[in-house]
Amino acid sequence: MQQVIVSEELKPVDETAAVTRRYRITGRVQGVFFRASTQARAQALGISGYAVNLADGSVEVLATGTEVAHRQLHAWLQRGPDAADVVSVTALPVADAAPTGFSTG
C-alpha cells in the first residue's frame, strides 16, 4: 500500500511562483534508475534540483519549480520508473531555492 504525506499548510498559492520542496521517497527506489528517471522528468517539467540516494535505502529529491510542475512531479514520484516499488512520498517545504540544473549524486 502506498502512503502519501504532504507536510504543508493548505492555503491559496500563486501557481506560477517558484517553490522548493524536499521529497523523500521510500520503497524499492535504489538500483532501479529512480534518480536518472527523476532527473529526466524534472528537466521536462522545468524543475531544478537534485536526486540522491540516502543510506537508509530511500531517495531524496530537492526540487524548485512552479506549483503546477510540483504537482506533476509529485504524481510521478508516487509511481517512479517501471522497476520501482514506491511505498511513500513525503514532501516538505524548503525556504531556499535548489541549485540551477538538475543533478544526480
N, C-alpha and C. Protein backbone atom coordinates (compact mmCIF):
# COMPACT_ATOMS: atom_id res chain seq x y z
N MET A 1 0.85 -1.18 0.00
CA MET A 1 0.00 0.00 0.00
C MET A 1 0.89 1.24 0.00
N GLN A 2 0.54 2.20 -0.80
CA GLN A 2 1.32 3.42 -0.92
C GLN A 2 0.81 4.48 0.04
N GLN A 3 1.73 5.17 0.67
CA GLN A 3 1.38 6.22 1.61
C GLN A 3 1.89 7.54 1.06
N VAL A 4 1.04 8.57 1.07
CA VAL A 4 1.44 9.89 0.60
C VAL A 4 1.29 10.86 1.75
N ILE A 5 2.38 11.57 2.05
CA ILE A 5 2.36 12.54 3.13
C ILE A 5 2.81 13.88 2.56
N VAL A 6 2.01 14.89 2.73
CA VAL A 6 2.39 16.24 2.33
C VAL A 6 2.31 17.09 3.58
N SER A 7 3.45 17.62 3.98
CA SER A 7 3.50 18.39 5.22
C SER A 7 3.55 19.88 4.93
N GLU A 8 2.47 20.39 4.39
CA GLU A 8 2.38 21.81 4.12
C GLU A 8 1.00 22.30 4.50
N GLU A 9 0.96 23.50 4.97
CA GLU A 9 -0.30 24.14 5.30
C GLU A 9 -1.07 24.40 4.01
N LEU A 10 -2.35 24.09 3.97
CA LEU A 10 -3.15 24.35 2.79
C LEU A 10 -3.56 25.82 2.76
N LYS A 11 -3.18 26.50 1.69
CA LYS A 11 -3.52 27.90 1.53
C LYS A 11 -3.44 28.22 0.05
N PRO A 12 -4.08 29.30 -0.38
CA PRO A 12 -4.00 29.67 -1.80
C PRO A 12 -2.55 29.93 -2.20
N VAL A 13 -2.20 29.48 -3.40
CA VAL A 13 -0.83 29.66 -3.87
C VAL A 13 -0.82 30.29 -5.25
N ASP A 14 0.26 30.97 -5.57
CA ASP A 14 0.49 31.50 -6.90
C ASP A 14 1.02 30.34 -7.74
N GLU A 15 0.24 29.87 -8.68
CA GLU A 15 0.58 28.70 -9.48
C GLU A 15 1.86 28.88 -10.29
N THR A 16 2.28 30.12 -10.54
CA THR A 16 3.45 30.36 -11.38
C THR A 16 4.70 30.71 -10.58
N ALA A 17 4.57 30.92 -9.28
CA ALA A 17 5.74 31.26 -8.45
C ALA A 17 6.58 30.01 -8.21
N ALA A 18 7.89 30.20 -8.19
CA ALA A 18 8.80 29.08 -7.92
C ALA A 18 8.78 28.75 -6.44
N VAL A 19 8.62 27.47 -6.14
CA VAL A 19 8.67 26.98 -4.77
C VAL A 19 9.65 25.82 -4.72
N THR A 20 10.20 25.58 -3.54
CA THR A 20 11.15 24.49 -3.38
C THR A 20 10.62 23.51 -2.35
N ARG A 21 10.73 22.23 -2.68
CA ARG A 21 10.32 21.17 -1.76
C ARG A 21 11.39 20.09 -1.71
N ARG A 22 11.48 19.45 -0.55
CA ARG A 22 12.35 18.30 -0.38
C ARG A 22 11.44 17.08 -0.27
N TYR A 23 11.62 16.15 -1.20
CA TYR A 23 10.85 14.91 -1.22
C TYR A 23 11.71 13.77 -0.70
N ARG A 24 11.10 12.88 0.03
CA ARG A 24 11.78 11.64 0.44
C ARG A 24 10.89 10.50 -0.03
N ILE A 25 11.50 9.62 -0.82
CA ILE A 25 10.76 8.53 -1.43
C ILE A 25 11.30 7.22 -0.85
N THR A 26 10.40 6.38 -0.32
CA THR A 26 10.82 5.09 0.25
C THR A 26 10.22 3.96 -0.56
N GLY A 27 10.79 2.78 -0.36
CA GLY A 27 10.36 1.58 -1.07
C GLY A 27 11.54 1.02 -1.83
N ARG A 28 11.27 0.29 -2.90
CA ARG A 28 12.37 -0.19 -3.75
C ARG A 28 12.65 0.92 -4.77
N VAL A 29 13.53 1.84 -4.36
CA VAL A 29 13.79 3.03 -5.16
C VAL A 29 15.28 3.23 -5.47
N GLN A 30 16.11 2.30 -5.03
CA GLN A 30 17.53 2.35 -5.39
C GLN A 30 17.85 1.16 -6.27
N GLY A 31 18.72 1.38 -7.26
CA GLY A 31 19.08 0.32 -8.18
C GLY A 31 18.03 0.07 -9.25
N VAL A 32 17.11 1.01 -9.43
CA VAL A 32 16.03 0.86 -10.42
C VAL A 32 15.95 2.08 -11.34
N PHE A 33 17.04 2.85 -11.43
CA PHE A 33 17.12 4.06 -12.26
C PHE A 33 16.17 5.15 -11.81
N PHE A 34 15.88 5.18 -10.50
CA PHE A 34 14.97 6.19 -9.96
C PHE A 34 15.54 7.59 -10.11
N ARG A 35 16.82 7.77 -9.75
CA ARG A 35 17.42 9.12 -9.83
C ARG A 35 17.48 9.63 -11.25
N ALA A 36 17.96 8.79 -12.17
CA ALA A 36 18.08 9.22 -13.57
C ALA A 36 16.70 9.50 -14.17
N SER A 37 15.73 8.67 -13.85
CA SER A 37 14.37 8.88 -14.35
C SER A 37 13.76 10.15 -13.76
N THR A 38 14.04 10.40 -12.49
CA THR A 38 13.57 11.63 -11.85
C THR A 38 14.20 12.85 -12.50
N GLN A 39 15.48 12.76 -12.80
CA GLN A 39 16.17 13.86 -13.47
C GLN A 39 15.51 14.18 -14.81
N ALA A 40 15.23 13.15 -15.60
CA ALA A 40 14.61 13.36 -16.90
C ALA A 40 13.22 13.98 -16.75
N ARG A 41 12.44 13.48 -15.79
CA ARG A 41 11.09 14.01 -15.58
C ARG A 41 11.17 15.46 -15.11
N ALA A 42 12.06 15.75 -14.15
CA ALA A 42 12.19 17.11 -13.62
C ALA A 42 12.61 18.08 -14.72
N GLN A 43 13.57 17.69 -15.52
CA GLN A 43 14.02 18.58 -16.60
C GLN A 43 12.89 18.85 -17.59
N ALA A 44 12.09 17.84 -17.89
CA ALA A 44 10.96 18.03 -18.80
C ALA A 44 9.92 18.99 -18.22
N LEU A 45 9.85 19.03 -16.89
CA LEU A 45 8.90 19.92 -16.21
C LEU A 45 9.48 21.29 -15.89
N GLY A 46 10.76 21.52 -16.22
CA GLY A 46 11.40 22.80 -15.92
C GLY A 46 11.78 22.96 -14.46
N ILE A 47 12.01 21.85 -13.78
CA ILE A 47 12.37 21.85 -12.35
C ILE A 47 13.87 21.72 -12.20
N SER A 48 14.45 22.50 -11.29
CA SER A 48 15.87 22.37 -10.97
C SER A 48 16.01 21.68 -9.62
N GLY A 49 17.20 21.13 -9.37
CA GLY A 49 17.44 20.48 -8.09
C GLY A 49 18.33 19.28 -8.21
N TYR A 50 18.05 18.26 -7.40
CA TYR A 50 18.86 17.04 -7.44
C TYR A 50 18.07 15.85 -6.90
N ALA A 51 18.59 14.66 -7.20
CA ALA A 51 18.07 13.41 -6.64
C ALA A 51 19.27 12.61 -6.16
N VAL A 52 19.24 12.19 -4.90
CA VAL A 52 20.36 11.43 -4.33
C VAL A 52 19.83 10.23 -3.55
N ASN A 53 20.64 9.15 -3.57
CA ASN A 53 20.35 8.00 -2.73
C ASN A 53 20.75 8.31 -1.30
N LEU A 54 19.95 7.87 -0.34
CA LEU A 54 20.29 8.01 1.07
C LEU A 54 20.69 6.65 1.64
N ALA A 55 21.46 6.68 2.72
CA ALA A 55 22.00 5.45 3.31
C ALA A 55 20.91 4.49 3.77
N ASP A 56 19.73 4.98 4.08
CA ASP A 56 18.65 4.11 4.57
C ASP A 56 17.88 3.43 3.44
N GLY A 57 18.31 3.62 2.18
CA GLY A 57 17.65 2.98 1.05
C GLY A 57 16.61 3.84 0.36
N SER A 58 16.36 5.03 0.90
CA SER A 58 15.39 5.94 0.28
C SER A 58 16.10 6.86 -0.71
N VAL A 59 15.32 7.68 -1.40
CA VAL A 59 15.85 8.68 -2.32
C VAL A 59 15.35 10.05 -1.86
N GLU A 60 16.24 11.04 -1.88
CA GLU A 60 15.87 12.42 -1.57
C GLU A 60 15.90 13.21 -2.86
N VAL A 61 14.85 14.00 -3.07
CA VAL A 61 14.78 14.89 -4.23
C VAL A 61 14.54 16.30 -3.72
N LEU A 62 15.43 17.22 -4.07
CA LEU A 62 15.23 18.64 -3.80
C LEU A 62 14.83 19.26 -5.12
N ALA A 63 13.70 19.96 -5.13
CA ALA A 63 13.16 20.45 -6.40
C ALA A 63 12.64 21.87 -6.27
N THR A 64 12.99 22.71 -7.25
CA THR A 64 12.46 24.06 -7.35
C THR A 64 11.74 24.20 -8.68
N GLY A 65 10.47 24.61 -8.60
CA GLY A 65 9.67 24.78 -9.81
C GLY A 65 8.32 25.36 -9.45
N THR A 66 7.47 25.50 -10.43
CA THR A 66 6.14 26.05 -10.19
C THR A 66 5.28 25.02 -9.45
N GLU A 67 4.18 25.51 -8.90
CA GLU A 67 3.25 24.62 -8.20
C GLU A 67 2.70 23.56 -9.16
N VAL A 68 2.41 23.96 -10.37
CA VAL A 68 1.90 23.02 -11.37
C VAL A 68 2.93 21.93 -11.64
N ALA A 69 4.19 22.33 -11.81
CA ALA A 69 5.26 21.35 -12.06
C ALA A 69 5.44 20.43 -10.85
N HIS A 70 5.33 20.97 -9.65
CA HIS A 70 5.46 20.14 -8.44
C HIS A 70 4.35 19.10 -8.37
N ARG A 71 3.13 19.48 -8.71
CA ARG A 71 2.03 18.51 -8.68
C ARG A 71 2.32 17.36 -9.64
N GLN A 72 2.83 17.70 -10.81
CA GLN A 72 3.14 16.66 -11.80
C GLN A 72 4.32 15.80 -11.35
N LEU A 73 5.35 16.43 -10.78
CA LEU A 73 6.49 15.67 -10.28
C LEU A 73 6.06 14.76 -9.13
N HIS A 74 5.29 15.30 -8.21
CA HIS A 74 4.83 14.51 -7.06
C HIS A 74 4.05 13.28 -7.52
N ALA A 75 3.16 13.48 -8.48
CA ALA A 75 2.39 12.35 -9.01
C ALA A 75 3.32 11.31 -9.62
N TRP A 76 4.35 11.76 -10.34
CA TRP A 76 5.30 10.82 -10.94
C TRP A 76 6.12 10.12 -9.86
N LEU A 77 6.56 10.85 -8.84
CA LEU A 77 7.36 10.24 -7.77
C LEU A 77 6.58 9.13 -7.06
N GLN A 78 5.28 9.23 -7.01
CA GLN A 78 4.46 8.20 -6.37
C GLN A 78 4.51 6.88 -7.14
N ARG A 79 4.85 6.94 -8.42
CA ARG A 79 4.98 5.73 -9.24
C ARG A 79 6.43 5.39 -9.49
N GLY A 80 7.21 6.39 -9.91
CA GLY A 80 8.60 6.17 -10.28
C GLY A 80 8.72 5.38 -11.56
N PRO A 81 9.95 4.95 -11.89
CA PRO A 81 10.14 4.15 -13.10
C PRO A 81 9.53 2.76 -12.93
N ASP A 82 9.40 2.04 -14.02
CA ASP A 82 8.72 0.74 -14.00
C ASP A 82 9.26 -0.24 -12.96
N ALA A 83 10.57 -0.27 -12.75
CA ALA A 83 11.18 -1.24 -11.83
C ALA A 83 11.03 -0.85 -10.37
N ALA A 84 10.59 0.37 -10.09
CA ALA A 84 10.46 0.84 -8.70
C ALA A 84 9.18 0.31 -8.07
N ASP A 85 9.22 0.25 -6.74
CA ASP A 85 8.03 -0.07 -5.95
C ASP A 85 7.97 0.97 -4.83
N VAL A 86 7.31 2.08 -5.09
CA VAL A 86 7.26 3.20 -4.16
C VAL A 86 6.28 2.89 -3.04
N VAL A 87 6.75 3.06 -1.78
CA VAL A 87 5.92 2.85 -0.61
C VAL A 87 5.37 4.17 -0.09
N SER A 88 6.22 5.21 -0.03
CA SER A 88 5.75 6.50 0.47
C SER A 88 6.53 7.64 -0.17
N VAL A 89 5.86 8.78 -0.24
CA VAL A 89 6.48 10.03 -0.70
C VAL A 89 6.13 11.09 0.32
N THR A 90 7.14 11.71 0.90
CA THR A 90 6.96 12.80 1.85
C THR A 90 7.48 14.08 1.21
N ALA A 91 6.74 15.17 1.33
CA ALA A 91 7.15 16.45 0.77
C ALA A 91 7.18 17.50 1.87
N LEU A 92 8.29 18.20 1.96
CA LEU A 92 8.44 19.28 2.95
C LEU A 92 8.87 20.55 2.24
N PRO A 93 8.33 21.70 2.63
CA PRO A 93 8.76 22.97 2.02
C PRO A 93 10.18 23.32 2.45
N VAL A 94 10.90 23.99 1.56
CA VAL A 94 12.26 24.44 1.81
C VAL A 94 12.31 25.92 1.48
N ALA A 95 12.95 26.71 2.33
CA ALA A 95 12.99 28.16 2.14
C ALA A 95 13.86 28.58 0.96
N ASP A 96 14.98 27.93 0.76
CA ASP A 96 15.92 28.33 -0.29
C ASP A 96 15.66 27.57 -1.58
N ALA A 97 15.98 28.20 -2.69
CA ALA A 97 15.84 27.56 -3.99
C ALA A 97 16.92 26.51 -4.20
N ALA A 98 16.62 25.50 -4.99
CA ALA A 98 17.60 24.49 -5.36
C ALA A 98 18.61 25.10 -6.33
N PRO A 99 19.76 24.47 -6.47
CA PRO A 99 20.73 24.96 -7.46
C PRO A 99 20.15 24.86 -8.87
N THR A 100 20.74 25.59 -9.81
CA THR A 100 20.28 25.53 -11.18
C THR A 100 20.61 24.17 -11.78
N GLY A 101 19.87 23.78 -12.81
CA GLY A 101 20.07 22.48 -13.42
C GLY A 101 19.49 21.40 -12.54
N PHE A 102 19.71 20.14 -12.91
CA PHE A 102 19.25 19.03 -12.10
C PHE A 102 20.33 17.97 -12.13
N SER A 103 20.78 17.55 -10.95
CA SER A 103 21.86 16.58 -10.87
C SER A 103 21.43 15.33 -10.10
N THR A 104 22.19 14.28 -10.31
CA THR A 104 22.01 13.07 -9.51
C THR A 104 23.36 12.83 -8.85
N GLY A 105 23.33 12.49 -7.60
CA GLY A 105 24.62 12.34 -6.91
C GLY A 105 24.70 11.12 -6.06
